[in-house]
C-alpha atoms as a PDB file:
ATOM      1  CA  UNK A   1     102.968  75.535 131.136  1.00  0.00           C
ATOM      2  CA  UNK A   2     106.281  73.565 130.372  1.00  0.00           C
ATOM      3  CA  UNK A   3     109.592  75.128 130.956  1.00  0.00           C
ATOM      4  CA  UNK A   4     110.761  76.892 127.752  1.00  0.00           C
ATOM      5  CA  UNK A   5     114.127  75.822 125.905  1.00  0.00           C
ATOM      6  CA  UNK A   6     116.438  78.840 125.404  1.00  0.00           C
ATOM      7  CA  UNK A   7     115.507  80.044 122.016  1.00  0.00           C
ATOM      8  CA  UNK A   8     118.644  81.815 120.139  1.00  0.00           C
ATOM      9  CA  UNK A   9     118.318  85.380 118.535  1.00  0.00           C
ATOM     10  CA  UNK A  10     119.733  87.068 115.521  1.00  0.00           C
ATOM     11  CA  UNK A  11     119.226  90.752 116.096  1.00  0.00           C
ATOM     12  CA  UNK A  12     120.173  94.156 114.755  1.00  0.00           C
ATOM     13  CA  UNK A  13     118.537  97.630 115.490  1.00  0.00           C
ATOM     14  CA  UNK A  14     117.194  98.146 118.577  1.00  0.00           C
ATOM     15  CA  UNK A  15     116.171  94.771 119.425  1.00  0.00           C
ATOM     16  CA  UNK A  16     115.237  96.004 123.310  1.00  0.00           C
ATOM     17  CA  UNK A  17     112.176  98.282 122.196  1.00  0.00           C
ATOM     18  CA  UNK A  18     110.716  95.515 121.162  1.00  0.00           C
ATOM     19  CA  UNK A  19     107.470  94.191 123.329  1.00  0.00           C
ATOM     20  CA  UNK A  20     107.900  90.585 122.390  1.00  0.00           C
ATOM     21  CA  UNK A  21     111.604  90.446 122.796  1.00  0.00           C
ATOM     22  CA  UNK A  22     110.906  92.334 126.151  1.00  0.00           C
ATOM     23  CA  UNK A  23     108.500  89.733 127.481  1.00  0.00           C
ATOM     24  CA  UNK A  24     110.544  86.831 126.379  1.00  0.00           C
ATOM     25  CA  UNK A  25     113.490  88.370 128.299  1.00  0.00           C
ATOM     26  CA  UNK A  26     111.578  88.804 131.184  1.00  0.00           C
ATOM     27  CA  UNK A  27     110.826  84.857 130.844  1.00  0.00           C
ATOM     28  CA  UNK A  28     114.544  84.726 130.930  1.00  0.00           C
ATOM     29  CA  UNK A  29     114.266  82.484 127.277  1.00  0.00           C
ATOM     30  CA  UNK A  30     117.035  84.059 125.789  1.00  0.00           C
ATOM     31  CA  UNK A  31     119.941  81.777 125.105  1.00  0.00           C
ATOM     32  CA  UNK A  32     122.955  82.790 122.335  1.00  0.00           C
ATOM     33  CA  UNK A  33     122.760  86.431 120.779  1.00  0.00           C
ATOM     34  CA  UNK A  34     124.479  86.871 117.548  1.00  0.00           C
ATOM     35  CA  UNK A  35     124.636  90.006 115.347  1.00  0.00           C
ATOM     36  CA  UNK A  36     126.644  91.630 112.656  1.00  0.00           C
ATOM     37  CA  UNK A  37     129.584  91.645 114.840  1.00  0.00           C
ATOM     38  CA  UNK A  38     129.998  90.318 118.506  1.00  0.00           C
ATOM     39  CA  UNK A  39     130.211  93.738 119.931  1.00  0.00           C
ATOM     40  CA  UNK A  40     126.650  94.497 118.796  1.00  0.00           C
ATOM     41  CA  UNK A  41     125.655  91.157 120.020  1.00  0.00           C
ATOM     42  CA  UNK A  42     126.978  91.744 123.218  1.00  0.00           C
ATOM     43  CA  UNK A  43     125.098  95.490 123.427  1.00  0.00           C
ATOM     44  CA  UNK A  44     122.120  93.958 122.430  1.00  0.00           C
ATOM     45  CA  UNK A  45     122.527  90.976 125.061  1.00  0.00           C
ATOM     46  CA  UNK A  46     123.272  94.019 127.749  1.00  0.00           C
ATOM     47  CA  UNK A  47     120.567  96.199 126.757  1.00  0.00           C
ATOM     48  CA  UNK A  48     118.173  93.404 127.194  1.00  0.00           C
ATOM     49  CA  UNK A  49     119.907  91.669 130.245  1.00  0.00           C
ATOM     50  CA  UNK A  50     119.019  88.591 128.807  1.00  0.00           C
ATOM     51  CA  UNK A  51     121.062  86.036 126.812  1.00  0.00           C
ATOM     52  CA  UNK A  52     124.265  85.634 126.101  1.00  0.00           C
ATOM     53  CA  UNK A  53     126.894  87.223 123.665  1.00  0.00           C
ATOM     54  CA  UNK A  54     127.717  84.968 120.511  1.00  0.00           C
ATOM     55  CA  UNK A  55     130.571  85.394 117.705  1.00  0.00           C
ATOM     56  CA  UNK A  56     128.322  84.224 114.868  1.00  0.00           C
ATOM     57  CA  UNK A  57     124.906  82.114 114.554  1.00  0.00           C
ATOM     58  CA  UNK A  58     127.125  78.642 114.584  1.00  0.00           C
ATOM     59  CA  UNK A  59     126.407  79.268 118.074  1.00  0.00           C
ATOM     60  CA  UNK A  60     122.515  78.563 117.600  1.00  0.00           C
ATOM     61  CA  UNK A  61     123.200  74.648 117.057  1.00  0.00           C
ATOM     62  CA  UNK A  62     122.155  73.430 120.022  1.00  0.00           C
ATOM     63  CA  UNK A  63     118.805  75.563 119.787  1.00  0.00           C
ATOM     64  CA  UNK A  64     115.561  74.567 118.388  1.00  0.00           C
ATOM     65  CA  UNK A  65     113.819  78.269 118.646  1.00  0.00           C
ATOM     66  CA  UNK A  66     115.249  80.779 116.600  1.00  0.00           C
ATOM     67  CA  UNK A  67     114.199  84.344 116.681  1.00  0.00           C
ATOM     68  CA  UNK A  68     114.915  87.229 114.348  1.00  0.00           C
ATOM     69  CA  UNK A  69     114.572  90.763 115.490  1.00  0.00           C
ATOM     70  CA  UNK A  70     115.582  93.084 112.791  1.00  0.00           C
ATOM     71  CA  UNK A  71     114.617  96.084 110.962  1.00  0.00           C
ATOM     72  CA  UNK A  72     112.836  95.151 107.393  1.00  0.00           C
ATOM     73  CA  UNK A  73     116.012  96.170 105.295  1.00  0.00           C
ATOM     74  CA  UNK A  74     117.933  93.976 107.568  1.00  0.00           C
ATOM     75  CA  UNK A  75     115.833  90.761 107.393  1.00  0.00           C
ATOM     76  CA  UNK A  76     116.988  89.531 104.187  1.00  0.00           C
ATOM     77  CA  UNK A  77     120.591  89.302 105.185  1.00  0.00           C
ATOM     78  CA  UNK A  78     119.722  88.278 108.781  1.00  0.00           C
ATOM     79  CA  UNK A  79     117.498  84.906 106.873  1.00  0.00           C
ATOM     80  CA  UNK A  80     120.904  84.694 105.117  1.00  0.00           C
ATOM     81  CA  UNK A  81     123.027  84.404 107.681  1.00  0.00           C
ATOM     82  CA  UNK A  82     120.764  81.353 108.854  1.00  0.00           C
ATOM     83  CA  UNK A  83     120.714  79.649 105.782  1.00  0.00           C
ATOM     84  CA  UNK A  84     124.328  79.718 105.707  1.00  0.00           C
ATOM     85  CA  UNK A  85     124.704  77.955 109.202  1.00  0.00           C
ATOM     86  CA  UNK A  86     126.526  74.746 109.656  1.00  0.00           C
ATOM     87  CA  UNK A  87     123.473  72.797 110.834  1.00  0.00           C
ATOM     88  CA  UNK A  88     120.202  71.208 109.484  1.00  0.00           C
ATOM     89  CA  UNK A  89     116.961  73.072 109.908  1.00  0.00           C
ATOM     90  CA  UNK A  90     114.336  70.044 110.173  1.00  0.00           C
ATOM     91  CA  UNK A  91     112.911  70.272 113.697  1.00  0.00           C
ATOM     92  CA  UNK A  92     113.730  73.795 113.976  1.00  0.00           C
ATOM     93  CA  UNK A  93     111.278  76.860 114.716  1.00  0.00           C
ATOM     94  CA  UNK A  94     112.540  80.378 113.534  1.00  0.00           C
ATOM     95  CA  UNK A  95     110.075  83.174 114.524  1.00  0.00           C
ATOM     96  CA  UNK A  96     110.431  86.553 112.829  1.00  0.00           C
ATOM     97  CA  UNK A  97     109.377  89.643 114.745  1.00  0.00           C
ATOM     98  CA  UNK A  98     108.092  91.703 112.264  1.00  0.00           C
ATOM     99  CA  UNK A  99     105.102  91.986 109.695  1.00  0.00           C
ATOM    100  CA  UNK A 100     105.709  89.689 106.638  1.00  0.00           C
ATOM    101  CA  UNK A 101     106.541  86.119 106.620  1.00  0.00           C
ATOM    102  CA  UNK A 102     107.763  86.082 102.909  1.00  0.00           C
ATOM    103  CA  UNK A 103     111.353  86.731 104.018  1.00  0.00           C
ATOM    104  CA  UNK A 104     111.335  83.100 105.942  1.00  0.00           C
ATOM    105  CA  UNK A 105     110.435  81.156 102.647  1.00  0.00           C
ATOM    106  CA  UNK A 106     114.395  79.908 102.526  1.00  0.00           C
ATOM    107  CA  UNK A 107     114.209  78.603 105.719  1.00  0.00           C
ATOM    108  CA  UNK A 108     110.816  76.704 105.041  1.00  0.00           C
ATOM    109  CA  UNK A 109     112.403  75.197 101.966  1.00  0.00           C
ATOM    110  CA  UNK A 110     115.103  73.813 104.166  1.00  0.00           C
ATOM    111  CA  UNK A 111     112.626  72.090 106.784  1.00  0.00           C
ATOM    112  CA  UNK A 112     112.087  75.022 109.455  1.00  0.00           C
ATOM    113  CA  UNK A 113     108.914  75.789 111.081  1.00  0.00           C
ATOM    114  CA  UNK A 114     108.151  79.740 110.622  1.00  0.00           C
ATOM    115  CA  UNK A 115     105.868  82.222 111.969  1.00  0.00           C
ATOM    116  CA  UNK A 116     105.443  86.024 112.510  1.00  0.00           C
ATOM    117  CA  UNK A 117     105.094  87.641 115.647  1.00  0.00           C
ATOM    118  CA  UNK A 118     104.022  91.353 116.176  1.00  0.00           C
ATOM    119  CA  UNK A 119     102.246  93.593 118.734  1.00  0.00           C
ATOM    120  CA  UNK A 120      98.274  93.994 118.731  1.00  0.00           C
ATOM    121  CA  UNK A 121      97.502  97.427 119.025  1.00  0.00           C
ATOM    122  CA  UNK A 122      96.164  98.729 122.407  1.00  0.00           C
ATOM    123  CA  UNK A 123      97.358  95.965 123.923  1.00  0.00           C
ATOM    124  CA  UNK A 124     100.488  96.881 125.211  1.00  0.00           C
ATOM    125  CA  UNK A 125     102.736  93.489 125.908  1.00  0.00           C
ATOM    126  CA  UNK A 126      99.581  91.458 126.806  1.00  0.00           C
ATOM    127  CA  UNK A 127      98.418  90.362 123.318  1.00  0.00           C
ATOM    128  CA  UNK A 128     100.814  89.163 120.468  1.00  0.00           C
ATOM    129  CA  UNK A 129      99.374  88.104 116.875  1.00  0.00           C
ATOM    130  CA  UNK A 130     101.244  84.835 115.432  1.00  0.00           C
ATOM    131  CA  UNK A 131     101.075  84.347 111.768  1.00  0.00           C
ATOM    132  CA  UNK A 132     102.104  80.722 111.195  1.00  0.00           C
ATOM    133  CA  UNK A 133     101.752  77.062 111.729  1.00  0.00           C
ATOM    134  CA  UNK A 134     100.369  75.432 115.253  1.00  0.00           C
ATOM    135  CA  UNK A 135     103.799  74.191 115.656  1.00  0.00           C
ATOM    136  CA  UNK A 136     105.356  77.489 115.815  1.00  0.00           C
ATOM    137  CA  UNK A 137     102.820  78.366 118.588  1.00  0.00           C
ATOM    138  CA  UNK A 138     103.908  75.844 120.802  1.00  0.00           C
ATOM    139  CA  UNK A 139     107.475  76.604 120.654  1.00  0.00           C
ATOM    140  CA  UNK A 140     106.313  80.327 121.148  1.00  0.00           C
ATOM    141  CA  UNK A 141     103.707  80.537 123.937  1.00  0.00           C
ATOM    142  CA  UNK A 142     106.375  79.135 126.838  1.00  0.00           C
ATOM    143  CA  UNK A 143     109.064  81.769 125.842  1.00  0.00           C
ATOM    144  CA  UNK A 144     106.382  84.647 126.475  1.00  0.00           C
ATOM    145  CA  UNK A 145     105.713  83.649 130.543  1.00  0.00           C
ATOM    146  CA  UNK A 146     102.037  83.080 131.735  1.00  0.00           C
ATOM    147  CA  UNK A 147     100.750  86.766 131.425  1.00  0.00           C
ATOM    148  CA  UNK A 148     100.883  86.631 127.843  1.00  0.00           C
ATOM    149  CA  UNK A 149      98.280  85.839 125.412  1.00  0.00           C
ATOM    150  CA  UNK A 150      99.011  84.769 121.463  1.00  0.00           C
ATOM    151  CA  UNK A 151      96.594  84.799 119.087  1.00  0.00           C
ATOM    152  CA  UNK A 152      97.308  82.180 115.753  1.00  0.00           C
ATOM    153  CA  UNK A 153      96.314  83.283 112.292  1.00  0.00           C
ATOM    154  CA  UNK A 154      97.220  80.744 109.689  1.00  0.00           C
ATOM    155  CA  UNK A 155      99.942  81.463 106.740  1.00  0.00           C
ATOM    156  CA  UNK A 156      98.975  83.880 104.716  1.00  0.00           C
ATOM    157  CA  UNK A 157      95.999  85.395 106.475  1.00  0.00           C
ATOM    158  CA  UNK A 158      97.770  88.583 108.086  1.00  0.00           C
ATOM    159  CA  UNK A 159      96.819  90.910 104.897  1.00  0.00           C
ATOM    160  CA  UNK A 160      93.357  89.988 105.749  1.00  0.00           C
ATOM    161  CA  UNK A 161      93.466  90.514 109.951  1.00  0.00           C
ATOM    162  CA  UNK A 162      95.057  93.789 108.996  1.00  0.00           C
ATOM    163  CA  UNK A 163      92.268  94.871 107.012  1.00  0.00           C
ATOM    164  CA  UNK A 164      90.030  94.050 109.949  1.00  0.00           C
ATOM    165  CA  UNK A 165      91.889  96.040 112.060  1.00  0.00           C
ATOM    166  CA  UNK A 166      92.222  99.445 109.282  1.00  0.00           C
ATOM    167  CA  UNK A 167      88.476  98.994 109.076  1.00  0.00           C
ATOM    168  CA  UNK A 168      88.066  98.807 112.652  1.00  0.00           C
ATOM    169  CA  UNK A 169      90.503 102.245 113.357  1.00  0.00           C
ATOM    170  CA  UNK A 170      91.506 104.421 110.698  1.00  0.00           C
ATOM    171  CA  UNK A 171      88.661 103.695 108.075  1.00  0.00           C
ATOM    172  CA  UNK A 172      86.389 104.621 111.181  1.00  0.00           C
ATOM    173  CA  UNK A 173      88.014 107.927 111.168  1.00  0.00           C
ATOM    174  CA  UNK A 174      85.779 109.788 108.493  1.00  0.00           C
ATOM    175  CA  UNK A 175      82.726 108.751 110.054  1.00  0.00           C
ATOM    176  CA  UNK A 176      83.606 110.406 112.957  1.00  0.00           C
ATOM    177  CA  UNK A 177      84.832 113.317 111.352  1.00  0.00           C
ATOM    178  CA  UNK A 178      81.482 113.408 109.464  1.00  0.00           C
ATOM    179  CA  UNK A 179      79.447 112.734 112.577  1.00  0.00           C
ATOM    180  CA  UNK A 180      81.520 115.893 113.997  1.00  0.00           C
ATOM    181  CA  UNK A 181      80.918 117.856 111.479  1.00  0.00           C
ATOM    182  CA  UNK A 182      77.151 117.187 111.674  1.00  0.00           C
ATOM    183  CA  UNK A 183      77.127 118.135 115.067  1.00  0.00           C
ATOM    184  CA  UNK A 184      79.388 121.273 114.278  1.00  0.00           C
ATOM    185  CA  UNK A 185      76.750 122.673 112.168  1.00  0.00           C
ATOM    186  CA  UNK A 186      74.298 122.892 114.915  1.00  0.00           C
ATOM    187  CA  UNK A 187      76.410 125.394 116.953  1.00  0.00           C
ATOM    188  CA  UNK A 188      76.983 123.337 119.795  1.00  0.00           C
ATOM    189  CA  UNK A 189      80.122 123.217 121.166  1.00  0.00           C
ATOM    190  CA  UNK A 190      82.367 119.806 121.342  1.00  0.00           C
ATOM    191  CA  UNK A 191      82.420 119.658 125.331  1.00  0.00           C
ATOM    192  CA  UNK A 192      78.316 118.688 124.805  1.00  0.00           C
ATOM    193  CA  UNK A 193      78.443 116.812 121.338  1.00  0.00           C
ATOM    194  CA  UNK A 194      81.811 114.418 122.279  1.00  0.00           C
ATOM    195  CA  UNK A 195      79.845 112.593 124.986  1.00  0.00           C
ATOM    196  CA  UNK A 196      77.111 112.317 122.817  1.00  0.00           C
ATOM    197  CA  UNK A 197      79.458 110.960 119.959  1.00  0.00           C
ATOM    198  CA  UNK A 198      81.293 108.485 122.017  1.00  0.00           C
ATOM    199  CA  UNK A 199      78.135 106.869 123.580  1.00  0.00           C
ATOM    200  CA  UNK A 200      76.537 106.592 119.904  1.00  0.00           C
ATOM    201  CA  UNK A 201      80.189 104.419 118.948  1.00  0.00           C
ATOM    202  CA  UNK A 202      79.911 102.432 122.190  1.00  0.00           C
ATOM    203  CA  UNK A 203      76.343 101.434 121.978  1.00  0.00           C
ATOM    204  CA  UNK A 204      77.053 100.394 118.414  1.00  0.00           C
ATOM    205  CA  UNK A 205      79.892  98.394 119.398  1.00  0.00           C
ATOM    206  CA  UNK A 206      78.178  96.732 121.657  1.00  0.00           C
ATOM    207  CA  UNK A 207      75.273  95.680 119.796  1.00  0.00           C
ATOM    208  CA  UNK A 208      77.764  94.421 117.181  1.00  0.00           C
ATOM    209  CA  UNK A 209      79.485  92.390 119.707  1.00  0.00           C
ATOM    210  CA  UNK A 210      76.290  90.920 121.595  1.00  0.00           C
ATOM    211  CA  UNK A 211      74.240  90.133 118.484  1.00  0.00           C
ATOM    212  CA  UNK A 212      76.429  90.453 115.150  1.00  0.00           C
ATOM    213  CA  UNK A 213      73.799  91.509 112.447  1.00  0.00           C
ATOM    214  CA  UNK A 214      71.079  91.101 114.845  1.00  0.00           C
ATOM    215  CA  UNK A 215      72.058  94.014 116.912  1.00  0.00           C
ATOM    216  CA  UNK A 216      71.574  96.406 113.909  1.00  0.00           C
ATOM    217  CA  UNK A 217      67.570  96.113 115.085  1.00  0.00           C
ATOM    218  CA  UNK A 218      68.631  97.241 118.598  1.00  0.00           C
ATOM    219  CA  UNK A 219      69.967 100.369 117.936  1.00  0.00           C
ATOM    220  CA  UNK A 220      66.600 102.411 116.983  1.00  0.00           C
ATOM    221  CA  UNK A 221      68.006 104.064 113.589  1.00  0.00           C
ATOM    222  CA  UNK A 222      65.843 106.311 111.787  1.00  0.00           C
ATOM    223  CA  UNK A 223      63.082 104.889 109.125  1.00  0.00           C
ATOM    224  CA  UNK A 224      63.909 105.398 105.305  1.00  0.00           C
ATOM    225  CA  UNK A 225      61.919 108.922 105.126  1.00  0.00           C
ATOM    226  CA  UNK A 226      63.550 110.288 108.464  1.00  0.00           C
ATOM    227  CA  UNK A 227      67.103 108.701 106.940  1.00  0.00           C
ATOM    228  CA  UNK A 228      66.073 110.586 103.567  1.00  0.00           C
ATOM    229  CA  UNK A 229      65.605 113.965 105.311  1.00  0.00           C
ATOM    230  CA  UNK A 230      68.761 114.082 107.739  1.00  0.00           C
ATOM    231  CA  UNK A 231      71.010 113.242 104.062  1.00  0.00           C
ATOM    232  CA  UNK A 232      69.470 116.023 102.835  1.00  0.00           C
ATOM    233  CA  UNK A 233      69.612 118.676 105.659  1.00  0.00           C
ATOM    234  CA  UNK A 234      73.228 117.518 106.113  1.00  0.00           C
ATOM    235  CA  UNK A 235      74.313 118.230 102.422  1.00  0.00           C
ATOM    236  CA  UNK A 236      72.999 121.703 102.594  1.00  0.00           C
ATOM    237  CA  UNK A 237      74.743 122.513 106.078  1.00  0.00           C
ATOM    238  CA  UNK A 238      78.057 120.486 104.911  1.00  0.00           C
ATOM    239  CA  UNK A 239      78.197 119.281 101.550  1.00  0.00           C
ATOM    240  CA  UNK A 240      81.457 117.255 102.414  1.00  0.00           C
ATOM    241  CA  UNK A 241      79.618 115.500 105.392  1.00  0.00           C
ATOM    242  CA  UNK A 242      76.753 115.126 103.712  1.00  0.00           C
ATOM    243  CA  UNK A 243      78.131 113.288 100.783  1.00  0.00           C
ATOM    244  CA  UNK A 244      79.666 110.968 102.472  1.00  0.00           C
ATOM    245  CA  UNK A 245      76.438 110.327 105.011  1.00  0.00           C
ATOM    246  CA  UNK A 246      74.837 109.660 101.717  1.00  0.00           C
ATOM    247  CA  UNK A 247      78.141 107.033 100.596  1.00  0.00           C
ATOM    248  CA  UNK A 248      77.721 105.207 103.921  1.00  0.00           C
ATOM    249  CA  UNK A 249      73.943 105.047 103.817  1.00  0.00           C
ATOM    250  CA  UNK A 250      74.316 102.967 100.470  1.00  0.00           C
ATOM    251  CA  UNK A 251      77.268 100.966 101.855  1.00  0.00           C
ATOM    252  CA  UNK A 252      75.263 100.144 104.761  1.00  0.00           C
ATOM    253  CA  UNK A 253      72.029  99.071 102.843  1.00  0.00           C
ATOM    254  CA  UNK A 254      74.110  96.863 100.794  1.00  0.00           C
ATOM    255  CA  UNK A 255      76.110  94.905 103.996  1.00  0.00           C
ATOM    256  CA  UNK A 256      73.081  94.862 105.991  1.00  0.00           C
ATOM    257  CA  UNK A 257      70.399  93.243 103.395  1.00  0.00           C
END
């Protein structure tokens, strides 16, 4: 991996709390640091133990990569600071540490390559997600050091990627709640049923990873008659869980056709 050129940082808020910035700071890849004032820039550089405070973004002229780390409410102001800088943006890369790429549009219009990087749930500081162009990945990857991986998704794909995370996480919870309610209706304690529930989820996930839709046939699910009986019994024992089971079953049939 090539030695990274130092990246400039325009920051506000608690920048040192960012896992992305911590990784870049650990790789000693931060150069000039600017903020709303020189005092704030000094505080941020000191808190990260990386970079050197600069009085303004004018100090970024020699840097090919500029990082932005700011609360959502301050991002537009940060972009305005950069667009007002007295140098050209062609052949420069601007990477926002955050969630939305739209605030970077003024810099793209000036010729900058842009990207938005964020953490991946459950991976601590070992895996990050970058929405942007491949050129942005080429500039970001060396800044993060050798132990960090980056997944690149094309511009505009972030919302769909987040939807997948939600479906696999938050959207899974109602299913677990319904399964827990079904177990509870048997009178058994969670101490006994939680390991069974955990194993069932693990088996389903492994079947999916190993075979995708073909894995469906390896789970030994109930036949139609038995499934209908299970739904009816659960609807009597716990109407809400039963109604959810019925709805999920219809969705399941639709998706697995």
